[in-house]
């Protein structure tokens, strides 16, 4: 059974807050999917349109990764440990992107 340290109510969609048939979404996917499961980096969402919106809207996906990284750091350790586990800091990446967009 998948656990989540982010989203406790498996009956309410994390994206739209409505109830219904939900599916797990691994915040860190691809080669980090297993680590997402181990660490509880899962949210519960409707298959469509909520799950699809995470993949179609790049900024929404990054915001979820930033939020999950913040939760991970509070739960498991510091930023350095997060980077070793997940390959990069999404918080640092977002801050750098925001800074670059401000300087345009």
PDB file of N, CA and C in Angstrom:
ATOM      1  N   UNK A   1       0.839  -1.187   0.000  1.00  0.00           N
ATOM      2  CA  UNK A   1       0.000   0.000   0.000  1.00  0.00           C
ATOM      3  C   UNK A   1       0.878   1.243   0.000  1.00  0.00           C
ATOM      4  N   UNK A   2       0.616   2.156  -0.914  1.00  0.00           N
ATOM      5  CA  UNK A   2       1.398   3.377  -0.999  1.00  0.00           C
ATOM      6  C   UNK A   2       1.036   4.317   0.144  1.00  0.00           C
ATOM      7  N   UNK A   3       2.072   4.934   0.701  1.00  0.00           N
ATOM      8  CA  UNK A   3       1.868   5.927   1.754  1.00  0.00           C
ATOM      9  C   UNK A   3       2.266   7.288   1.211  1.00  0.00           C
ATOM     10  N   UNK A   4       1.776   8.318   1.862  1.00  0.00           N
ATOM     11  CA  UNK A   4       2.145   9.674   1.479  1.00  0.00           C
ATOM     12  C   UNK A   4       2.412  10.491   2.729  1.00  0.00           C
ATOM     13  N   UNK A   5       3.533  11.184   2.759  1.00  0.00           N
ATOM     14  CA  UNK A   5       3.793  12.124   3.849  1.00  0.00           C
ATOM     15  C   UNK A   5       3.295  13.517   3.466  1.00  0.00           C
ATOM     16  N   UNK A   6       2.822  13.664   2.246  1.00  0.00           N
ATOM     17  CA  UNK A   6       2.334  14.942   1.737  1.00  0.00           C
ATOM     18  C   UNK A   6       0.817  15.041   1.852  1.00  0.00           C
ATOM     19  N   UNK A   7       0.138  13.978   1.475  1.00  0.00           N
ATOM     20  CA  UNK A   7      -1.307  13.998   1.241  1.00  0.00           C
ATOM     21  C   UNK A   7      -1.957  12.853   2.011  1.00  0.00           C
ATOM     22  N   UNK A   8      -2.619  13.174   3.079  1.00  0.00           N
ATOM     23  CA  UNK A   8      -3.179  12.146   3.968  1.00  0.00           C
ATOM     24  C   UNK A   8      -4.529  11.607   3.519  1.00  0.00           C
ATOM     25  N   UNK A   9      -5.342  12.410   2.852  1.00  0.00           N
ATOM     26  CA  UNK A   9      -6.694  11.990   2.488  1.00  0.00           C
ATOM     27  C   UNK A   9      -6.703  11.384   1.088  1.00  0.00           C
ATOM     28  N   UNK A  10      -6.673  10.072   1.024  1.00  0.00           N
ATOM     29  CA  UNK A  10      -6.646   9.365  -0.251  1.00  0.00           C
ATOM     30  C   UNK A  10      -7.988   9.401  -0.973  1.00  0.00           C
ATOM     31  N   UNK A  11      -8.985  10.012  -0.371  1.00  0.00           N
ATOM     32  CA  UNK A  11     -10.309  10.077  -0.976  1.00  0.00           C
ATOM     33  C   UNK A  11     -10.595  11.434  -1.604  1.00  0.00           C
ATOM     34  N   UNK A  12      -9.710  12.412  -1.393  1.00  0.00           N
ATOM     35  CA  UNK A  12      -9.919  13.757  -1.916  1.00  0.00           C
ATOM     36  C   UNK A  12      -8.751  14.142  -2.817  1.00  0.00           C
ATOM     37  N   UNK A  13      -9.054  14.552  -4.028  1.00  0.00           N
ATOM     38  CA  UNK A  13      -8.028  14.899  -5.013  1.00  0.00           C
ATOM     39  C   UNK A  13      -7.175  16.067  -4.516  1.00  0.00           C
ATOM     40  N   UNK A  14      -5.882  15.910  -4.617  1.00  0.00           N
ATOM     41  CA  UNK A  14      -4.953  16.946  -4.189  1.00  0.00           C
ATOM     42  C   UNK A  14      -5.064  18.193  -5.074  1.00  0.00           C
ATOM     43  N   UNK A  15      -5.387  18.028  -6.323  1.00  0.00           N
ATOM     44  CA  UNK A  15      -5.433  19.143  -7.274  1.00  0.00           C
ATOM     45  C   UNK A  15      -6.742  19.924  -7.187  1.00  0.00           C
ATOM     46  N   UNK A  16      -7.883  19.232  -7.247  1.00  0.00           N
ATOM     47  CA  UNK A  16      -9.166  19.940  -7.321  1.00  0.00           C
ATOM     48  C   UNK A  16      -9.978  19.870  -6.021  1.00  0.00           C
ATOM     49  N   UNK A  17      -9.524  19.082  -5.069  1.00  0.00           N
ATOM     50  CA  UNK A  17     -10.179  18.913  -3.760  1.00  0.00           C
ATOM     51  C   UNK A  17     -11.535  18.214  -3.816  1.00  0.00           C
ATOM     52  N   UNK A  18     -11.890  17.662  -4.973  1.00  0.00           N
ATOM     53  CA  UNK A  18     -13.145  16.909  -5.065  1.00  0.00           C
ATOM     54  C   UNK A  18     -12.881  15.443  -4.742  1.00  0.00           C
ATOM     55  N   UNK A  19     -13.951  14.741  -4.457  1.00  0.00           N
ATOM     56  CA  UNK A  19     -13.871  13.319  -4.164  1.00  0.00           C
ATOM     57  C   UNK A  19     -14.148  12.521  -5.426  1.00  0.00           C
ATOM     58  N   UNK A  20     -13.766  11.275  -5.417  1.00  0.00           N
ATOM     59  CA  UNK A  20     -14.004  10.413  -6.561  1.00  0.00           C
ATOM     60  C   UNK A  20     -12.958   9.328  -6.625  1.00  0.00           C
ATOM     61  N   UNK A  21     -12.881   8.661  -7.759  1.00  0.00           N
ATOM     62  CA  UNK A  21     -11.888   7.609  -7.967  1.00  0.00           C
ATOM     63  C   UNK A  21     -10.541   8.283  -8.201  1.00  0.00           C
ATOM     64  N   UNK A  22      -9.585   8.008  -7.325  1.00  0.00           N
ATOM     65  CA  UNK A  22      -8.283   8.661  -7.390  1.00  0.00           C
ATOM     66  C   UNK A  22      -7.168   7.664  -7.661  1.00  0.00           C
ATOM     67  N   UNK A  23      -6.097   8.178  -8.183  1.00  0.00           N
ATOM     68  CA  UNK A  23      -4.922   7.370  -8.512  1.00  0.00           C
ATOM     69  C   UNK A  23      -3.691   8.042  -7.914  1.00  0.00           C
ATOM     70  N   UNK A  24      -2.676   7.263  -7.555  1.00  0.00           N
ATOM     71  CA  UNK A  24      -1.460   7.877  -7.009  1.00  0.00           C
ATOM     72  C   UNK A  24      -0.654   8.568  -8.107  1.00  0.00           C
ATOM     73  N   UNK A  25      -0.084   9.695  -7.747  1.00  0.00           N
ATOM     74  CA  UNK A  25       0.851  10.393  -8.634  1.00  0.00           C
ATOM     75  C   UNK A  25       2.177  10.500  -7.885  1.00  0.00           C
ATOM     76  N   UNK A  26       3.219   9.960  -8.486  1.00  0.00           N
ATOM     77  CA  UNK A  26       4.562  10.036  -7.911  1.00  0.00           C
ATOM     78  C   UNK A  26       5.133  11.406  -8.253  1.00  0.00           C
ATOM     79  N   UNK A  27       5.438  12.196  -7.246  1.00  0.00           N
ATOM     80  CA  UNK A  27       5.954  13.544  -7.481  1.00  0.00           C
ATOM     81  C   UNK A  27       7.257  13.481  -8.276  1.00  0.00           C
ATOM     82  N   UNK A  28       8.138  12.606  -7.858  1.00  0.00           N
ATOM     83  CA  UNK A  28       9.404  12.427  -8.563  1.00  0.00           C
ATOM     84  C   UNK A  28       9.278  11.124  -9.342  1.00  0.00           C
ATOM     85  N   UNK A  29       9.150  11.234 -10.657  1.00  0.00           N
ATOM     86  CA  UNK A  29       8.854  10.060 -11.480  1.00  0.00           C
ATOM     87  C   UNK A  29      10.098   9.587 -12.216  1.00  0.00           C
ATOM     88  N   UNK A  30       9.898   8.784 -13.214  1.00  0.00           N
ATOM     89  CA  UNK A  30      11.015   8.233 -13.976  1.00  0.00           C
ATOM     90  C   UNK A  30      11.882   7.349 -13.093  1.00  0.00           C
ATOM     91  N   UNK A  31      13.164   7.589 -13.135  1.00  0.00           N
ATOM     92  CA  UNK A  31      14.091   6.762 -12.350  1.00  0.00           C
ATOM     93  C   UNK A  31      13.957   6.993 -10.840  1.00  0.00           C
ATOM     94  N   UNK A  32      13.204   8.023 -10.450  1.00  0.00           N
ATOM     95  CA  UNK A  32      13.016   8.317  -9.025  1.00  0.00           C
ATOM     96  C   UNK A  32      11.652   7.841  -8.495  1.00  0.00           C
ATOM     97  N   UNK A  33      10.914   7.122  -9.312  1.00  0.00           N
ATOM     98  CA  UNK A  33       9.580   6.659  -8.919  1.00  0.00           C
ATOM     99  C   UNK A  33       9.639   5.773  -7.671  1.00  0.00           C
ATOM    100  N   UNK A  34      10.565   4.829  -7.633  1.00  0.00           N
ATOM    101  CA  UNK A  34      10.695   3.932  -6.480  1.00  0.00           C
ATOM    102  C   UNK A  34      11.047   4.723  -5.220  1.00  0.00           C
ATOM    103  N   UNK A  35      11.927   5.709  -5.360  1.00  0.00           N
ATOM    104  CA  UNK A  35      12.289   6.541  -4.209  1.00  0.00           C
ATOM    105  C   UNK A  35      11.092   7.369  -3.742  1.00  0.00           C
ATOM    106  N   UNK A  36      10.274   7.844  -4.677  1.00  0.00           N
ATOM    107  CA  UNK A  36       9.047   8.555  -4.312  1.00  0.00           C
ATOM    108  C   UNK A  36       8.154   7.658  -3.457  1.00  0.00           C
ATOM    109  N   UNK A  37       8.043   6.395  -3.846  1.00  0.00           N
ATOM    110  CA  UNK A  37       7.237   5.445  -3.066  1.00  0.00           C
ATOM    111  C   UNK A  37       7.847   5.225  -1.692  1.00  0.00           C
ATOM    112  N   UNK A  38       9.144   5.008  -1.643  1.00  0.00           N
ATOM    113  CA  UNK A  38       9.821   4.758  -0.361  1.00  0.00           C
ATOM    114  C   UNK A  38       9.669   5.946   0.593  1.00  0.00           C
ATOM    115  N   UNK A  39       9.731   7.153   0.054  1.00  0.00           N
ATOM    116  CA  UNK A  39       9.724   8.361   0.883  1.00  0.00           C
ATOM    117  C   UNK A  39       8.335   8.958   1.084  1.00  0.00           C
ATOM    118  N   UNK A  40       7.322   8.395   0.438  1.00  0.00           N
ATOM    119  CA  UNK A  40       5.968   8.928   0.566  1.00  0.00           C
ATOM    120  C   UNK A  40       5.752  10.209  -0.216  1.00  0.00           C
ATOM    121  N   UNK A  41       6.455  10.363  -1.312  1.00  0.00           N
ATOM    122  CA  UNK A  41       6.306  11.543  -2.164  1.00  0.00           C
ATOM    123  C   UNK A  41       5.236  11.259  -3.223  1.00  0.00           C
ATOM    124  N   UNK A  42       4.016  11.042  -2.714  1.00  0.00           N
ATOM    125  CA  UNK A  42       2.857  10.637  -3.515  1.00  0.00           C
ATOM    126  C   UNK A  42       1.703  11.578  -3.190  1.00  0.00           C
ATOM    127  N   UNK A  43       0.934  11.930  -4.211  1.00  0.00           N
ATOM    128  CA  UNK A  43      -0.346  12.597  -3.992  1.00  0.00           C
ATOM    129  C   UNK A  43      -1.413  11.781  -4.708  1.00  0.00           C
ATOM    130  N   UNK A  44      -2.659  11.966  -4.314  1.00  0.00           N
ATOM    131  CA  UNK A  44      -3.779  11.240  -4.902  1.00  0.00           C
ATOM    132  C   UNK A  44      -4.600  12.198  -5.741  1.00  0.00           C
ATOM    133  N   UNK A  45      -4.819  11.831  -7.015  1.00  0.00           N
ATOM    134  CA  UNK A  45      -5.496  12.724  -7.964  1.00  0.00           C
ATOM    135  C   UNK A  45      -6.455  11.952  -8.860  1.00  0.00           C
ATOM    136  N   UNK A  46      -7.413  12.689  -9.434  1.00  0.00           N
ATOM    137  CA  UNK A  46      -8.262  12.116 -10.480  1.00  0.00           C
ATOM    138  C   UNK A  46      -7.390  11.839 -11.695  1.00  0.00           C
ATOM    139  N   UNK A  47      -7.700  10.759 -12.387  1.00  0.00           N
ATOM    140  CA  UNK A  47      -6.922  10.404 -13.573  1.00  0.00           C
ATOM    141  C   UNK A  47      -6.992  11.525 -14.607  1.00  0.00           C
ATOM    142  N   UNK A  48      -8.203  12.013 -14.878  1.00  0.00           N
ATOM    143  CA  UNK A  48      -8.393  13.097 -15.824  1.00  0.00           C
ATOM    144  C   UNK A  48      -9.451  14.027 -15.259  1.00  0.00           C
ATOM    145  N   UNK A  49      -9.261  15.301 -15.259  1.00  0.00           N
ATOM    146  CA  UNK A  49      -8.180  16.039 -15.899  1.00  0.00           C
ATOM    147  C   UNK A  49      -7.001  16.347 -14.974  1.00  0.00           C
ATOM    148  N   UNK A  50      -7.125  16.039 -13.696  1.00  0.00           N
ATOM    149  CA  UNK A  50      -6.136  16.497 -12.717  1.00  0.00           C
ATOM    150  C   UNK A  50      -4.741  15.925 -12.955  1.00  0.00           C
ATOM    151  N   UNK A  51      -4.647  14.608 -13.124  1.00  0.00           N
ATOM    152  CA  UNK A  51      -3.336  13.999 -13.363  1.00  0.00           C
ATOM    153  C   UNK A  51      -2.732  14.514 -14.664  1.00  0.00           C
ATOM    154  N   UNK A  52      -3.560  14.596 -15.679  1.00  0.00           N
ATOM    155  CA  UNK A  52      -3.086  15.091 -16.972  1.00  0.00           C
ATOM    156  C   UNK A  52      -2.569  16.521 -16.866  1.00  0.00           C
ATOM    157  N   UNK A  53      -3.230  17.342 -16.029  1.00  0.00           N
ATOM    158  CA  UNK A  53      -2.832  18.747 -15.896  1.00  0.00           C
ATOM    159  C   UNK A  53      -1.439  18.885 -15.296  1.00  0.00           C
ATOM    160  N   UNK A  54      -1.045  17.947 -14.449  1.00  0.00           N
ATOM    161  CA  UNK A  54       0.299  17.988 -13.860  1.00  0.00           C
ATOM    162  C   UNK A  54       1.348  17.805 -14.949  1.00  0.00           C
ATOM    163  N   UNK A  55       1.083  16.904 -15.877  1.00  0.00           N
ATOM    164  CA  UNK A  55       2.042  16.620 -16.942  1.00  0.00           C
ATOM    165  C   UNK A  55       1.991  17.658 -18.065  1.00  0.00           C
ATOM    166  N   UNK A  56       0.819  18.248 -18.284  1.00  0.00           N
ATOM    167  CA  UNK A  56       0.673  19.218 -19.364  1.00  0.00           C
ATOM    168  C   UNK A  56       1.143  20.619 -18.976  1.00  0.00           C
ATOM    169  N   UNK A  57       1.103  20.937 -17.689  1.00  0.00           N
ATOM    170  CA  UNK A  57       1.479  22.273 -17.210  1.00  0.00           C
ATOM    171  C   UNK A  57       2.820  22.173 -16.487  1.00  0.00           C
ATOM    172  N   UNK A  58       3.889  22.518 -17.183  1.00  0.00           N
ATOM    173  CA  UNK A  58       5.251  22.389 -16.644  1.00  0.00           C
ATOM    174  C   UNK A  58       5.388  23.100 -15.296  1.00  0.00           C
ATOM    175  N   UNK A  59       4.846  24.307 -15.186  1.00  0.00           N
ATOM    176  CA  UNK A  59       4.999  25.063 -13.940  1.00  0.00           C
ATOM    177  C   UNK A  59       4.275  24.382 -12.780  1.00  0.00           C
ATOM    178  N   UNK A  60       3.142  23.736 -13.045  1.00  0.00           N
ATOM    179  CA  UNK A  60       2.424  23.012 -11.991  1.00  0.00           C
ATOM    180  C   UNK A  60       3.265  21.838 -11.492  1.00  0.00           C
ATOM    181  N   UNK A  61       3.899  21.124 -12.409  1.00  0.00           N
ATOM    182  CA  UNK A  61       4.768  20.017 -12.032  1.00  0.00           C
ATOM    183  C   UNK A  61       5.945  20.480 -11.187  1.00  0.00           C
ATOM    184  N   UNK A  62       6.551  21.607 -11.563  1.00  0.00           N
ATOM    185  CA  UNK A  62       7.679  22.141 -10.798  1.00  0.00           C
ATOM    186  C   UNK A  62       7.214  22.594  -9.418  1.00  0.00           C
ATOM    187  N   UNK A  63       6.073  23.260  -9.346  1.00  0.00           N
ATOM    188  CA  UNK A  63       5.547  23.702  -8.044  1.00  0.00           C
ATOM    189  C   UNK A  63       5.324  22.509  -7.110  1.00  0.00           C
ATOM    190  N   UNK A  64       4.806  21.409  -7.652  1.00  0.00           N
ATOM    191  CA  UNK A  64       4.612  20.208  -6.837  1.00  0.00           C
ATOM    192  C   UNK A  64       5.952  19.646  -6.367  1.00  0.00           C
ATOM    193  N   UNK A  65       6.946  19.664  -7.231  1.00  0.00           N
ATOM    194  CA  UNK A  65       8.274  19.165  -6.854  1.00  0.00           C
ATOM    195  C   UNK A  65       8.915  20.053  -5.788  1.00  0.00           C
ATOM    196  N   UNK A  66       8.741  21.363  -5.901  1.00  0.00           N
ATOM    197  CA  UNK A  66       9.267  22.290  -4.894  1.00  0.00           C
ATOM    198  C   UNK A  66       8.591  22.020  -3.549  1.00  0.00           C
ATOM    199  N   UNK A  67       7.267  21.902  -3.560  1.00  0.00           N
ATOM    200  CA  UNK A  67       6.521  21.626  -2.332  1.00  0.00           C
ATOM    201  C   UNK A  67       6.960  20.308  -1.724  1.00  0.00           C
ATOM    202  N   UNK A  68       7.101  19.281  -2.559  1.00  0.00           N
ATOM    203  CA  UNK A  68       7.501  17.965  -2.060  1.00  0.00           C
ATOM    204  C   UNK A  68       8.917  18.000  -1.500  1.00  0.00           C
ATOM    205  N   UNK A  69       9.806  18.743  -2.141  1.00  0.00           N
ATOM    206  CA  UNK A  69      11.167  18.860  -1.619  1.00  0.00           C
ATOM    207  C   UNK A  69      11.152  19.521  -0.246  1.00  0.00           C
ATOM    208  N   UNK A  70      10.347  20.551  -0.070  1.00  0.00           N
ATOM    209  CA  UNK A  70      10.244  21.206   1.236  1.00  0.00           C
ATOM    210  C   UNK A  70       9.773  20.222   2.304  1.00  0.00           C
ATOM    211  N   UNK A  71       8.764  19.416   1.961  1.00  0.00           N
ATOM    212  CA  UNK A  71       8.266  18.398   2.898  1.00  0.00           C
ATOM    213  C   UNK A  71       9.357  17.364   3.173  1.00  0.00           C
ATOM    214  N   UNK A  72      10.047  16.920   2.135  1.00  0.00           N
ATOM    215  CA  UNK A  72      11.105  15.918   2.281  1.00  0.00           C
ATOM    216  C   UNK A  72      12.194  16.429   3.214  1.00  0.00           C
ATOM    217  N   UNK A  73      12.625  17.667   3.012  1.00  0.00           N
ATOM    218  CA  UNK A  73      13.694  18.223   3.838  1.00  0.00           C
ATOM    219  C   UNK A  73      13.275  18.319   5.303  1.00  0.00           C
ATOM    220  N   UNK A  74      12.023  18.671   5.560  1.00  0.00           N
ATOM    221  CA  UNK A  74      11.528  18.739   6.944  1.00  0.00           C
ATOM    222  C   UNK A  74      11.405  17.348   7.554  1.00  0.00           C
ATOM    223  N   UNK A  75      11.109  16.361   6.727  1.00  0.00           N
ATOM    224  CA  UNK A  75      10.847  15.006   7.217  1.00  0.00           C
ATOM    225  C   UNK A  75      12.114  14.162   7.315  1.00  0.00           C
ATOM    226  N   UNK A  76      12.997  14.272   6.337  1.00  0.00           N
ATOM    227  CA  UNK A  76      14.113  13.325   6.229  1.00  0.00           C
ATOM    228  C   UNK A  76      15.506  13.919   6.368  1.00  0.00           C
ATOM    229  N   UNK A  77      15.679  15.182   6.123  1.00  0.00           N
ATOM    230  CA  UNK A  77      17.031  15.713   6.188  1.00  0.00           C
ATOM    231  C   UNK A  77      17.166  17.043   5.480  1.00  0.00           C
ATOM    232  N   UNK A  78      18.371  17.385   5.165  1.00  0.00           N
ATOM    233  CA  UNK A  78      18.655  18.695   4.599  1.00  0.00           C
ATOM    234  C   UNK A  78      18.716  18.656   3.066  1.00  0.00           C
ATOM    235  N   UNK A  79      18.994  19.792   2.489  1.00  0.00           N
ATOM    236  CA  UNK A  79      19.019  19.937   1.032  1.00  0.00           C
ATOM    237  C   UNK A  79      20.092  19.061   0.396  1.00  0.00           C
ATOM    238  N   UNK A  80      21.239  18.995   1.028  1.00  0.00           N
ATOM    239  CA  UNK A  80      22.332  18.184   0.486  1.00  0.00           C
ATOM    240  C   UNK A  80      21.912  16.716   0.354  1.00  0.00           C
ATOM    241  N   UNK A  81      21.230  16.199   1.369  1.00  0.00           N
ATOM    242  CA  UNK A  81      20.752  14.811   1.324  1.00  0.00           C
ATOM    243  C   UNK A  81      19.691  14.645   0.232  1.00  0.00           C
ATOM    244  N   UNK A  82      18.840  15.656   0.082  1.00  0.00           N
ATOM    245  CA  UNK A  82      17.819  15.591  -0.966  1.00  0.00           C
ATOM    246  C   UNK A  82      18.472  15.504  -2.344  1.00  0.00           C
ATOM    247  N   UNK A  83      19.470  16.352  -2.579  1.00  0.00           N
ATOM    248  CA  UNK A  83      20.149  16.370  -3.875  1.00  0.00           C
ATOM    249  C   UNK A  83      20.820  15.029  -4.144  1.00  0.00           C
ATOM    250  N   UNK A  84      21.423  14.435  -3.130  1.00  0.00           N
ATOM    251  CA  UNK A  84      22.046  13.118  -3.306  1.00  0.00           C
ATOM    252  C   UNK A  84      21.002  12.067  -3.668  1.00  0.00           C
ATOM    253  N   UNK A  85      19.814  12.190  -3.095  1.00  0.00           N
ATOM    254  CA  UNK A  85      18.761  11.193  -3.326  1.00  0.00           C
ATOM    255  C   UNK A  85      18.021  11.406  -4.650  1.00  0.00           C
ATOM    256  N   UNK A  86      17.757  12.681  -4.988  1.00  0.00           N
ATOM    257  CA  UNK A  86      16.918  12.980  -6.156  1.00  0.00           C
ATOM    258  C   UNK A  86      17.647  13.722  -7.280  1.00  0.00           C
ATOM    259  N   UNK A  87      18.945  13.921  -7.140  1.00  0.00           N
ATOM    260  CA  UNK A  87      19.750  14.422  -8.243  1.00  0.00           C
ATOM    261  C   UNK A  87      19.848  15.919  -8.419  1.00  0.00           C
ATOM    262  N   UNK A  88      18.961  16.676  -7.784  1.00  0.00           N
ATOM    263  CA  UNK A  88      19.000  18.133  -7.911  1.00  0.00           C
ATOM    264  C   UNK A  88      18.080  18.769  -6.889  1.00  0.00           C
ATOM    265  N   UNK A  89      18.198  20.080  -6.731  1.00  0.00           N
ATOM    266  CA  UNK A  89      17.290  20.831  -5.867  1.00  0.00           C
ATOM    267  C   UNK A  89      16.299  21.588  -6.737  1.00  0.00           C
ATOM    268  N   UNK A  90      15.037  21.241  -6.624  1.00  0.00           N
ATOM    269  CA  UNK A  90      14.001  21.936  -7.373  1.00  0.00           C
ATOM    270  C   UNK A  90      13.771  23.333  -6.794  1.00  0.00           C
ATOM    271  N   UNK A  91      14.011  23.499  -5.515  1.00  0.00           N
ATOM    272  CA  UNK A  91      13.888  24.819  -4.888  1.00  0.00           C
ATOM    273  C   UNK A  91      14.931  25.761  -5.483  1.00  0.00           C
ATOM    274  N   UNK A  92      16.184  25.321  -5.522  1.00  0.00           N
ATOM    275  CA  UNK A  92      17.247  26.148  -6.084  1.00  0.00           C
ATOM    276  C   UNK A  92      16.991  26.439  -7.563  1.00  0.00           C
ATOM    277  N   UNK A  93      16.528  25.432  -8.281  1.00  0.00           N
ATOM    278  CA  UNK A  93      16.248  25.595  -9.716  1.00  0.00           C
ATOM    279  C   UNK A  93      15.161  26.635  -9.944  1.00  0.00           C
ATOM    280  N   UNK A  94      14.084  26.562  -9.153  1.00  0.00           N
ATOM    281  CA  UNK A  94      12.993  27.528  -9.290  1.00  0.00           C
ATOM    282  C   UNK A  94      13.469  28.930  -8.934  1.00  0.00           C
ATOM    283  N   UNK A  95      14.227  29.053  -7.854  1.00  0.00           N
ATOM    284  CA  UNK A  95      14.748  30.372  -7.470  1.00  0.00           C
ATOM    285  C   UNK A  95      15.623  30.959  -8.575  1.00  0.00           C
ATOM    286  N   UNK A  96      16.450  30.134  -9.196  1.00  0.00           N
ATOM    287  CA  UNK A  96      17.306  30.602 -10.277  1.00  0.00           C
ATOM    288  C   UNK A  96      16.474  31.003 -11.493  1.00  0.00           C
ATOM    289  N   UNK A  97      15.462  30.208 -11.830  1.00  0.00           N
ATOM    290  CA  UNK A  97      14.574  30.557 -12.947  1.00  0.00           C
ATOM    291  C   UNK A  97      13.825  31.858 -12.675  1.00  0.00           C
ATOM    292  N   UNK A  98      13.340  32.018 -11.432  1.00  0.00           N
ATOM    293  CA  UNK A  98      12.624  33.243 -11.072  1.00  0.00           C
ATOM    294  C   UNK A  98      13.550  34.452 -11.185  1.00  0.00           C
ATOM    295  N   UNK A  99      14.777  34.283 -10.727  1.00  0.00           N
ATOM    296  CA  UNK A  99      15.768  35.355 -10.802  1.00  0.00           C
ATOM    297  C   UNK A  99      16.067  35.721 -12.258  1.00  0.00           C
ATOM    298  N   UNK A 100      16.236  34.717 -13.096  1.00  0.00           N
ATOM    299  CA  UNK A 100      16.501  34.963 -14.518  1.00  0.00           C
ATOM    300  C   UNK A 100      15.327  35.670 -15.191  1.00  0.00           C
ATOM    301  N   UNK A 101      14.110  35.293 -14.836  1.00  0.00           N
ATOM    302  CA  UNK A 101      12.933  35.918 -15.433  1.00  0.00           C
ATOM    303  C   UNK A 101      12.754  37.351 -14.954  1.00  0.00           C
ATOM    304  N   UNK A 102      13.187  37.664 -13.750  1.00  0.00           N
ATOM    305  CA  UNK A 102      13.102  39.029 -13.219  1.00  0.00           C
ATOM    306  C   UNK A 102      14.094  39.943 -13.909  1.00  0.00           C
ATOM    307  N   UNK A 103      15.233  39.400 -14.286  1.00  0.00           N
ATOM    308  CA  UNK A 103      16.294  40.200 -14.898  1.00  0.00           C
ATOM    309  C   UNK A 103      16.097  40.469 -16.386  1.00  0.00           C
ATOM    310  N   UNK A 104      15.038  39.996 -16.967  1.00  0.00           N
ATOM    311  CA  UNK A 104      14.792  40.189 -18.409  1.00  0.00           C
ATOM    312  C   UNK A 104      14.314  41.573 -18.717  1.00  0.00           C
TER     313      UNK A 104
END
